[in-house]
Amino acid sequence: MGGVFGFLLLGMVFLSLQTTILSFSPHIPVKPDLIIIMVAYLGIFQGPVRGIFLAATLGYLADTLSGGIIGLFTFLRIVTFFLTKLTCENIYLKNALSQTILIITLSIIDGILLLSTLYVFSSVENLWIFVVRFLPIQAILTGIFSPLIFLILNKTELLLEPR
């Protein structure tokens, strides 16, 4: 049970970092998505019950902080978790290169799903300019951060593991 609370606490820290310090420039809306990295970690190294609970909870926390459509980030994090679990069943994802490629791919899928949903449910115009201009940069930036976040999550899991 301590592992669940530890991951939730770490998820809140990652959300705080993502929304404050890692917002590099107010003019460029590109920042790494640390929660996608965490959800992918859960999909690779955690069981389905604990992983889906944590992914949904982290998505709900992101929904609460974003002020957007409630349930959107919860849905996206659950989809990310399931895609990671499906990929993990078929591809060896225990090394840093394959994990980084997975994170970049998940970031692109997540961004396209997010913008598609916003396009359907809101009146925001020119969302696809963001996809072409900023989504690849954000996905690569998220991939660059993934080995560090995986290391932090792995060390946290080892600390919280019952002896």
N, C-alpha and C. Protein backbone atom coordinates (compact mmCIF):
# COMPACT_ATOMS: atom_id res chain seq x y z
N MET A 1 0.82 -1.20 0.00
CA MET A 1 0.00 0.00 0.00
C MET A 1 0.86 1.26 0.00
N GLY A 2 2.04 1.18 0.64
CA GLY A 2 2.94 2.32 0.67
C GLY A 2 3.43 2.69 -0.71
N GLY A 3 3.55 1.68 -1.59
CA GLY A 3 3.98 1.94 -2.96
C GLY A 3 2.99 2.80 -3.71
N VAL A 4 1.70 2.56 -3.50
CA VAL A 4 0.66 3.34 -4.17
C VAL A 4 0.73 4.80 -3.73
N PHE A 5 0.83 5.01 -2.42
CA PHE A 5 0.90 6.38 -1.92
C PHE A 5 2.20 7.06 -2.32
N GLY A 6 3.28 6.30 -2.36
CA GLY A 6 4.56 6.86 -2.81
C GLY A 6 4.49 7.30 -4.26
N PHE A 7 3.89 6.46 -5.12
CA PHE A 7 3.74 6.84 -6.52
C PHE A 7 2.80 8.03 -6.68
N LEU A 8 1.73 8.08 -5.89
CA LEU A 8 0.82 9.24 -5.96
C LEU A 8 1.52 10.52 -5.53
N LEU A 9 2.31 10.44 -4.48
CA LEU A 9 3.05 11.62 -4.02
C LEU A 9 4.06 12.06 -5.08
N LEU A 10 4.77 11.10 -5.66
CA LEU A 10 5.72 11.42 -6.71
C LEU A 10 5.01 11.98 -7.94
N GLY A 11 3.83 11.46 -8.24
CA GLY A 11 3.03 12.00 -9.35
C GLY A 11 2.64 13.45 -9.12
N MET A 12 2.29 13.78 -7.88
CA MET A 12 1.95 15.17 -7.56
C MET A 12 3.17 16.07 -7.70
N VAL A 13 4.34 15.55 -7.31
CA VAL A 13 5.58 16.32 -7.47
C VAL A 13 5.85 16.54 -8.95
N PHE A 14 5.69 15.50 -9.77
CA PHE A 14 5.91 15.63 -11.21
C PHE A 14 4.92 16.60 -11.85
N LEU A 15 3.66 16.56 -11.43
CA LEU A 15 2.68 17.52 -11.95
C LEU A 15 3.06 18.94 -11.57
N SER A 16 3.52 19.12 -10.35
CA SER A 16 3.95 20.46 -9.92
C SER A 16 5.14 20.95 -10.72
N LEU A 17 6.12 20.08 -10.92
CA LEU A 17 7.29 20.45 -11.72
C LEU A 17 6.88 20.78 -13.16
N GLN A 18 6.01 19.96 -13.71
CA GLN A 18 5.60 20.12 -15.10
C GLN A 18 4.87 21.44 -15.33
N THR A 19 4.08 21.84 -14.37
CA THR A 19 3.28 23.06 -14.55
C THR A 19 3.99 24.33 -14.10
N THR A 20 5.12 24.20 -13.41
CA THR A 20 5.81 25.41 -12.94
C THR A 20 7.22 25.52 -13.53
N ILE A 21 8.14 24.76 -13.01
CA ILE A 21 9.55 24.92 -13.38
C ILE A 21 9.82 24.52 -14.82
N LEU A 22 9.20 23.45 -15.30
CA LEU A 22 9.50 22.95 -16.64
C LEU A 22 8.77 23.70 -17.75
N SER A 23 8.03 24.71 -17.41
CA SER A 23 7.44 25.57 -18.44
C SER A 23 8.52 26.57 -18.85
N PHE A 24 9.32 26.19 -19.83
CA PHE A 24 10.52 26.94 -20.20
C PHE A 24 10.21 28.38 -20.62
N SER A 25 9.27 28.53 -21.51
CA SER A 25 9.00 29.86 -22.06
C SER A 25 7.49 30.05 -22.18
N PRO A 26 6.99 31.22 -21.83
CA PRO A 26 5.56 31.44 -21.99
C PRO A 26 5.14 31.57 -23.45
N HIS A 27 6.10 31.80 -24.34
CA HIS A 27 5.79 31.98 -25.76
C HIS A 27 5.75 30.67 -26.53
N ILE A 28 6.45 29.65 -26.02
CA ILE A 28 6.48 28.35 -26.68
C ILE A 28 5.83 27.32 -25.75
N PRO A 29 4.70 26.76 -26.14
CA PRO A 29 3.99 25.84 -25.24
C PRO A 29 4.55 24.42 -25.27
N VAL A 30 5.87 24.29 -25.15
CA VAL A 30 6.50 22.98 -25.19
C VAL A 30 7.15 22.70 -23.86
N LYS A 31 6.73 21.61 -23.24
CA LYS A 31 7.34 21.15 -22.00
C LYS A 31 7.19 19.63 -21.95
N PRO A 32 8.10 18.96 -21.29
CA PRO A 32 7.98 17.50 -21.22
C PRO A 32 6.78 17.10 -20.37
N ASP A 33 6.13 16.02 -20.77
CA ASP A 33 4.99 15.50 -20.02
C ASP A 33 5.48 14.38 -19.12
N LEU A 34 5.75 14.72 -17.87
CA LEU A 34 6.31 13.76 -16.94
C LEU A 34 5.31 12.69 -16.54
N ILE A 35 4.04 13.01 -16.61
CA ILE A 35 3.01 12.04 -16.22
C ILE A 35 2.91 10.92 -17.26
N ILE A 36 3.09 11.24 -18.54
CA ILE A 36 3.10 10.18 -19.56
C ILE A 36 4.26 9.22 -19.27
N ILE A 37 5.40 9.76 -18.89
CA ILE A 37 6.55 8.91 -18.57
C ILE A 37 6.21 8.02 -17.37
N MET A 38 5.58 8.60 -16.36
CA MET A 38 5.24 7.82 -15.17
C MET A 38 4.21 6.74 -15.50
N VAL A 39 3.21 7.07 -16.29
CA VAL A 39 2.19 6.09 -16.65
C VAL A 39 2.81 4.97 -17.50
N ALA A 40 3.74 5.31 -18.38
CA ALA A 40 4.43 4.28 -19.16
C ALA A 40 5.25 3.38 -18.24
N TYR A 41 5.91 3.96 -17.25
CA TYR A 41 6.66 3.17 -16.27
C TYR A 41 5.72 2.19 -15.55
N LEU A 42 4.56 2.70 -15.15
CA LEU A 42 3.59 1.84 -14.48
C LEU A 42 3.13 0.71 -15.40
N GLY A 43 2.95 1.02 -16.68
CA GLY A 43 2.53 0.00 -17.64
C GLY A 43 3.58 -1.07 -17.86
N ILE A 44 4.84 -0.70 -17.76
CA ILE A 44 5.92 -1.66 -17.99
C ILE A 44 6.21 -2.49 -16.74
N PHE A 45 6.26 -1.84 -15.57
CA PHE A 45 6.78 -2.49 -14.38
C PHE A 45 5.75 -2.79 -13.30
N GLN A 46 4.53 -2.35 -13.43
CA GLN A 46 3.52 -2.61 -12.40
C GLN A 46 2.42 -3.53 -12.93
N GLY A 47 1.69 -4.10 -12.02
CA GLY A 47 0.57 -4.95 -12.39
C GLY A 47 -0.59 -4.12 -12.91
N PRO A 48 -1.57 -4.78 -13.53
CA PRO A 48 -2.66 -4.03 -14.15
C PRO A 48 -3.57 -3.29 -13.16
N VAL A 49 -3.84 -3.86 -12.00
CA VAL A 49 -4.76 -3.21 -11.06
C VAL A 49 -4.13 -1.96 -10.46
N ARG A 50 -2.93 -2.11 -9.92
CA ARG A 50 -2.24 -0.96 -9.34
C ARG A 50 -1.95 0.09 -10.41
N GLY A 51 -1.52 -0.35 -11.57
CA GLY A 51 -1.17 0.57 -12.64
C GLY A 51 -2.35 1.37 -13.15
N ILE A 52 -3.49 0.71 -13.37
CA ILE A 52 -4.65 1.43 -13.90
C ILE A 52 -5.21 2.38 -12.84
N PHE A 53 -5.16 1.97 -11.57
CA PHE A 53 -5.61 2.87 -10.50
C PHE A 53 -4.75 4.12 -10.44
N LEU A 54 -3.43 3.94 -10.48
CA LEU A 54 -2.53 5.09 -10.42
C LEU A 54 -2.63 5.95 -11.67
N ALA A 55 -2.76 5.33 -12.85
CA ALA A 55 -2.88 6.09 -14.09
C ALA A 55 -4.15 6.94 -14.09
N ALA A 56 -5.27 6.34 -13.65
CA ALA A 56 -6.53 7.09 -13.60
C ALA A 56 -6.47 8.21 -12.57
N THR A 57 -5.86 7.94 -11.43
CA THR A 57 -5.75 8.97 -10.39
C THR A 57 -4.86 10.12 -10.84
N LEU A 58 -3.74 9.79 -11.48
CA LEU A 58 -2.86 10.86 -11.99
C LEU A 58 -3.55 11.66 -13.09
N GLY A 59 -4.32 10.98 -13.93
CA GLY A 59 -5.09 11.69 -14.95
C GLY A 59 -6.13 12.61 -14.34
N TYR A 60 -6.78 12.13 -13.28
CA TYR A 60 -7.77 12.97 -12.61
C TYR A 60 -7.11 14.19 -11.95
N LEU A 61 -5.94 14.00 -11.36
CA LEU A 61 -5.21 15.14 -10.79
C LEU A 61 -4.86 16.15 -11.88
N ALA A 62 -4.44 15.66 -13.03
CA ALA A 62 -4.13 16.56 -14.15
C ALA A 62 -5.39 17.28 -14.62
N ASP A 63 -6.53 16.57 -14.65
CA ASP A 63 -7.80 17.21 -15.00
C ASP A 63 -8.14 18.33 -14.03
N THR A 64 -7.92 18.07 -12.75
CA THR A 64 -8.23 19.05 -11.72
C THR A 64 -7.37 20.30 -11.88
N LEU A 65 -6.10 20.12 -12.20
CA LEU A 65 -5.19 21.26 -12.33
C LEU A 65 -5.33 21.99 -13.67
N SER A 66 -5.80 21.30 -14.69
CA SER A 66 -5.83 21.92 -16.02
C SER A 66 -7.00 22.88 -16.21
N GLY A 67 -8.09 22.62 -15.58
CA GLY A 67 -9.26 23.49 -15.74
C GLY A 67 -9.97 23.29 -17.07
N GLY A 68 -9.65 22.23 -17.76
CA GLY A 68 -10.26 21.96 -19.07
C GLY A 68 -11.44 21.01 -18.93
N ILE A 69 -11.61 20.18 -19.93
CA ILE A 69 -12.70 19.20 -19.94
C ILE A 69 -12.39 18.13 -18.90
N ILE A 70 -13.28 17.98 -17.93
CA ILE A 70 -13.06 17.00 -16.86
C ILE A 70 -13.17 15.59 -17.45
N GLY A 71 -12.18 14.79 -17.15
CA GLY A 71 -12.14 13.42 -17.63
C GLY A 71 -11.24 13.22 -18.84
N LEU A 72 -10.82 14.31 -19.46
CA LEU A 72 -10.00 14.20 -20.67
C LEU A 72 -8.64 13.58 -20.35
N PHE A 73 -7.93 14.11 -19.36
CA PHE A 73 -6.63 13.57 -19.03
C PHE A 73 -6.73 12.21 -18.36
N THR A 74 -7.82 11.97 -17.64
CA THR A 74 -8.04 10.64 -17.08
C THR A 74 -8.16 9.62 -18.21
N PHE A 75 -8.95 9.93 -19.21
CA PHE A 75 -9.10 9.07 -20.38
C PHE A 75 -7.76 8.86 -21.08
N LEU A 76 -7.01 9.95 -21.30
CA LEU A 76 -5.74 9.85 -22.01
C LEU A 76 -4.72 9.02 -21.23
N ARG A 77 -4.69 9.14 -19.92
CA ARG A 77 -3.73 8.37 -19.13
C ARG A 77 -4.10 6.89 -19.09
N ILE A 78 -5.39 6.59 -19.09
CA ILE A 78 -5.81 5.19 -19.15
C ILE A 78 -5.45 4.59 -20.51
N VAL A 79 -5.67 5.34 -21.58
CA VAL A 79 -5.29 4.88 -22.92
C VAL A 79 -3.78 4.67 -22.99
N THR A 80 -3.02 5.60 -22.44
CA THR A 80 -1.56 5.47 -22.42
C THR A 80 -1.13 4.21 -21.67
N PHE A 81 -1.77 3.95 -20.54
CA PHE A 81 -1.44 2.75 -19.77
C PHE A 81 -1.73 1.49 -20.57
N PHE A 82 -2.91 1.42 -21.18
CA PHE A 82 -3.25 0.22 -21.95
C PHE A 82 -2.35 0.05 -23.17
N LEU A 83 -2.01 1.13 -23.85
CA LEU A 83 -1.09 1.02 -24.99
C LEU A 83 0.28 0.52 -24.54
N THR A 84 0.73 0.99 -23.38
CA THR A 84 2.01 0.53 -22.86
C THR A 84 1.95 -0.94 -22.50
N LYS A 85 0.87 -1.38 -21.85
CA LYS A 85 0.72 -2.79 -21.50
C LYS A 85 0.69 -3.66 -22.75
N LEU A 86 -0.05 -3.22 -23.78
CA LEU A 86 -0.10 -3.99 -25.03
C LEU A 86 1.27 -4.06 -25.70
N THR A 87 1.98 -2.95 -25.69
CA THR A 87 3.31 -2.92 -26.30
C THR A 87 4.28 -3.79 -25.50
N CYS A 88 4.16 -3.74 -24.19
CA CYS A 88 5.05 -4.51 -23.32
C CYS A 88 4.87 -6.01 -23.52
N GLU A 89 3.68 -6.44 -23.89
CA GLU A 89 3.44 -7.86 -24.14
C GLU A 89 4.16 -8.35 -25.38
N ASN A 90 4.40 -7.47 -26.35
CA ASN A 90 4.95 -7.88 -27.64
C ASN A 90 6.38 -7.44 -27.90
N ILE A 91 6.86 -6.42 -27.20
CA ILE A 91 8.18 -5.87 -27.45
C ILE A 91 8.94 -5.81 -26.12
N TYR A 92 10.21 -6.11 -26.18
CA TYR A 92 11.07 -6.03 -24.99
C TYR A 92 11.32 -4.57 -24.66
N LEU A 93 10.84 -4.14 -23.50
CA LEU A 93 10.94 -2.72 -23.13
C LEU A 93 11.75 -2.52 -21.85
N LYS A 94 12.77 -3.30 -21.65
CA LYS A 94 13.55 -3.18 -20.42
C LYS A 94 14.84 -2.39 -20.61
N ASN A 95 15.09 -1.85 -21.80
CA ASN A 95 16.29 -1.03 -21.97
C ASN A 95 15.89 0.41 -22.28
N ALA A 96 16.83 1.32 -22.08
CA ALA A 96 16.54 2.76 -22.17
C ALA A 96 16.14 3.20 -23.57
N LEU A 97 16.75 2.64 -24.60
CA LEU A 97 16.44 3.06 -25.97
C LEU A 97 15.00 2.70 -26.34
N SER A 98 14.58 1.48 -26.07
CA SER A 98 13.21 1.09 -26.41
C SER A 98 12.20 1.86 -25.58
N GLN A 99 12.54 2.16 -24.33
CA GLN A 99 11.64 2.95 -23.48
C GLN A 99 11.51 4.37 -24.00
N THR A 100 12.63 4.95 -24.44
CA THR A 100 12.60 6.31 -24.97
C THR A 100 11.78 6.38 -26.25
N ILE A 101 11.95 5.40 -27.13
CA ILE A 101 11.16 5.36 -28.36
C ILE A 101 9.68 5.19 -28.04
N LEU A 102 9.37 4.35 -27.05
CA LEU A 102 7.98 4.18 -26.63
C LEU A 102 7.40 5.49 -26.10
N ILE A 103 8.16 6.21 -25.28
CA ILE A 103 7.69 7.47 -24.71
C ILE A 103 7.43 8.49 -25.80
N ILE A 104 8.31 8.58 -26.78
CA ILE A 104 8.11 9.52 -27.89
C ILE A 104 6.85 9.17 -28.66
N THR A 105 6.66 7.89 -28.93
CA THR A 105 5.47 7.44 -29.65
C THR A 105 4.20 7.71 -28.85
N LEU A 106 4.23 7.39 -27.55
CA LEU A 106 3.07 7.64 -26.70
C LEU A 106 2.76 9.14 -26.60
N SER A 107 3.78 9.97 -26.58
CA SER A 107 3.56 11.42 -26.51
C SER A 107 2.87 11.92 -27.78
N ILE A 108 3.28 11.40 -28.91
CA ILE A 108 2.63 11.81 -30.17
C ILE A 108 1.19 11.33 -30.22
N ILE A 109 0.94 10.09 -29.84
CA ILE A 109 -0.43 9.56 -29.82
C ILE A 109 -1.28 10.35 -28.84
N ASP A 110 -0.73 10.62 -27.65
CA ASP A 110 -1.45 11.39 -26.64
C ASP A 110 -1.79 12.79 -27.14
N GLY A 111 -0.83 13.44 -27.78
CA GLY A 111 -1.07 14.79 -28.31
C GLY A 111 -2.14 14.80 -29.39
N ILE A 112 -2.10 13.83 -30.28
CA ILE A 112 -3.11 13.76 -31.35
C ILE A 112 -4.49 13.47 -30.77
N LEU A 113 -4.58 12.55 -29.79
CA LEU A 113 -5.87 12.28 -29.15
C LEU A 113 -6.39 13.50 -28.40
N LEU A 114 -5.49 14.19 -27.69
CA LEU A 114 -5.87 15.38 -26.94
C LEU A 114 -6.42 16.46 -27.88
N LEU A 115 -5.69 16.74 -28.94
CA LEU A 115 -6.11 17.80 -29.85
C LEU A 115 -7.34 17.40 -30.65
N SER A 116 -7.49 16.13 -30.96
CA SER A 116 -8.70 15.68 -31.65
C SER A 116 -9.93 15.86 -30.76
N THR A 117 -9.77 15.51 -29.50
CA THR A 117 -10.88 15.69 -28.56
C THR A 117 -11.21 17.16 -28.37
N LEU A 118 -10.20 18.00 -28.23
CA LEU A 118 -10.45 19.43 -28.10
C LEU A 118 -11.10 20.01 -29.36
N TYR A 119 -10.70 19.50 -30.51
CA TYR A 119 -11.28 19.97 -31.77
C TYR A 119 -12.77 19.64 -31.85
N VAL A 120 -13.13 18.46 -31.34
CA VAL A 120 -14.54 18.04 -31.39
C VAL A 120 -15.37 18.79 -30.35
N PHE A 121 -14.83 18.96 -29.15
CA PHE A 121 -15.64 19.48 -28.05
C PHE A 121 -15.46 20.96 -27.75
N SER A 122 -14.60 21.66 -28.47
CA SER A 122 -14.44 23.08 -28.21
C SER A 122 -14.39 23.84 -29.52
N SER A 123 -14.43 25.13 -29.40
CA SER A 123 -14.46 25.96 -30.61
C SER A 123 -13.09 26.57 -30.92
N VAL A 124 -12.03 25.95 -30.45
CA VAL A 124 -10.69 26.46 -30.69
C VAL A 124 -10.29 26.15 -32.13
N GLU A 125 -9.81 27.17 -32.81
CA GLU A 125 -9.39 27.01 -34.21
C GLU A 125 -7.88 26.78 -34.28
N ASN A 126 -7.43 26.28 -35.40
CA ASN A 126 -6.01 26.11 -35.73
C ASN A 126 -5.25 25.23 -34.74
N LEU A 127 -5.90 24.19 -34.24
CA LEU A 127 -5.20 23.28 -33.33
C LEU A 127 -4.16 22.44 -34.07
N TRP A 128 -4.38 22.19 -35.33
CA TRP A 128 -3.47 21.32 -36.07
C TRP A 128 -2.14 22.00 -36.35
N ILE A 129 -2.08 23.31 -36.25
CA ILE A 129 -0.80 24.00 -36.34
C ILE A 129 0.09 23.58 -35.18
N PHE A 130 -0.53 23.39 -34.01
CA PHE A 130 0.22 22.92 -32.85
C PHE A 130 0.79 21.53 -33.11
N VAL A 131 0.00 20.66 -33.74
CA VAL A 131 0.47 19.30 -34.01
C VAL A 131 1.71 19.33 -34.90
N VAL A 132 1.67 20.12 -35.93
CA VAL A 132 2.78 20.17 -36.88
C VAL A 132 4.00 20.87 -36.29
N ARG A 133 3.75 21.95 -35.58
CA ARG A 133 4.86 22.78 -35.12
C ARG A 133 5.46 22.32 -33.79
N PHE A 134 4.63 22.01 -32.81
CA PHE A 134 5.14 21.80 -31.46
C PHE A 134 5.10 20.35 -30.96
N LEU A 135 4.19 19.54 -31.46
CA LEU A 135 4.06 18.18 -30.92
C LEU A 135 5.32 17.33 -31.10
N PRO A 136 5.97 17.34 -32.26
CA PRO A 136 7.21 16.55 -32.37
C PRO A 136 8.30 17.00 -31.39
N ILE A 137 8.42 18.31 -31.19
CA ILE A 137 9.42 18.83 -30.26
C ILE A 137 9.08 18.40 -28.84
N GLN A 138 7.80 18.49 -28.48
CA GLN A 138 7.39 18.08 -27.14
C GLN A 138 7.60 16.59 -26.94
N ALA A 139 7.31 15.78 -27.94
CA ALA A 139 7.50 14.33 -27.82
C ALA A 139 8.98 13.99 -27.63
N ILE A 140 9.85 14.63 -28.39
CA ILE A 140 11.28 14.37 -28.26
C ILE A 140 11.79 14.84 -26.90
N LEU A 141 11.33 15.99 -26.44
CA LEU A 141 11.71 16.50 -25.13
C LEU A 141 11.25 15.56 -24.02
N THR A 142 10.05 15.03 -24.14
CA THR A 142 9.55 14.06 -23.18
C THR A 142 10.41 12.80 -23.21
N GLY A 143 10.79 12.36 -24.42
CA GLY A 143 11.66 11.20 -24.54
C GLY A 143 13.02 11.42 -23.92
N ILE A 144 13.55 12.62 -24.03
CA ILE A 144 14.85 12.94 -23.44
C ILE A 144 14.80 12.85 -21.91
N PHE A 145 13.68 13.27 -21.33
CA PHE A 145 13.53 13.23 -19.88
C PHE A 145 13.23 11.83 -19.35
N SER A 146 12.81 10.91 -20.23
CA SER A 146 12.32 9.61 -19.76
C SER A 146 13.36 8.76 -19.02
N PRO A 147 14.63 8.68 -19.44
CA PRO A 147 15.56 7.86 -18.65
C PRO A 147 15.74 8.37 -17.21
N LEU A 148 15.78 9.68 -17.04
CA LEU A 148 15.92 10.25 -15.70
C LEU A 148 14.69 9.93 -14.84
N ILE A 149 13.51 10.11 -15.40
CA ILE A 149 12.27 9.85 -14.65
C ILE A 149 12.15 8.36 -14.34
N PHE A 150 12.51 7.49 -15.29
CA PHE A 150 12.48 6.05 -15.04
C PHE A 150 13.43 5.69 -13.90
N LEU A 151 14.60 6.31 -13.87
CA LEU A 151 15.56 6.07 -12.79
C LEU A 151 14.98 6.49 -11.44
N ILE A 152 14.38 7.68 -11.39
CA ILE A 152 13.77 8.17 -10.15
C ILE A 152 12.65 7.23 -9.69
N LEU A 153 11.81 6.81 -10.64
CA LEU A 153 10.70 5.91 -10.29
C LEU A 153 11.22 4.55 -9.83
N ASN A 154 12.26 4.06 -10.47
CA ASN A 154 12.82 2.77 -10.08
C ASN A 154 13.41 2.83 -8.68
N LYS A 155 14.15 3.90 -8.38
CA LYS A 155 14.74 4.06 -7.04
C LYS A 155 13.64 4.23 -5.99
N THR A 156 12.59 4.96 -6.33
CA THR A 156 11.47 5.12 -5.40
C THR A 156 10.79 3.79 -5.13
N GLU A 157 10.61 3.01 -6.18
CA GLU A 157 9.97 1.69 -6.00
C GLU A 157 10.83 0.79 -5.11
N LEU A 158 12.15 0.83 -5.30
CA LEU A 158 13.04 0.03 -4.46
C LEU A 158 13.00 0.47 -3.00
N LEU A 159 12.87 1.79 -2.77
CA LEU A 159 12.78 2.29 -1.40
C LEU A 159 11.48 1.89 -0.73
N LEU A 160 10.39 1.87 -1.48
CA LEU A 160 9.08 1.60 -0.92
C LEU A 160 8.74 0.11 -0.85
N GLU A 161 9.59 -0.72 -1.46
CA GLU A 161 9.35 -2.16 -1.51
C GLU A 161 9.49 -2.76 -0.11
N PRO A 162 8.53 -3.61 0.28
CA PRO A 162 8.66 -4.24 1.59
C PRO A 162 9.86 -5.20 1.62
N ARG A 163 10.53 -5.22 2.76
CA ARG A 163 11.74 -6.05 2.86
C ARG A 163 11.46 -7.36 3.50
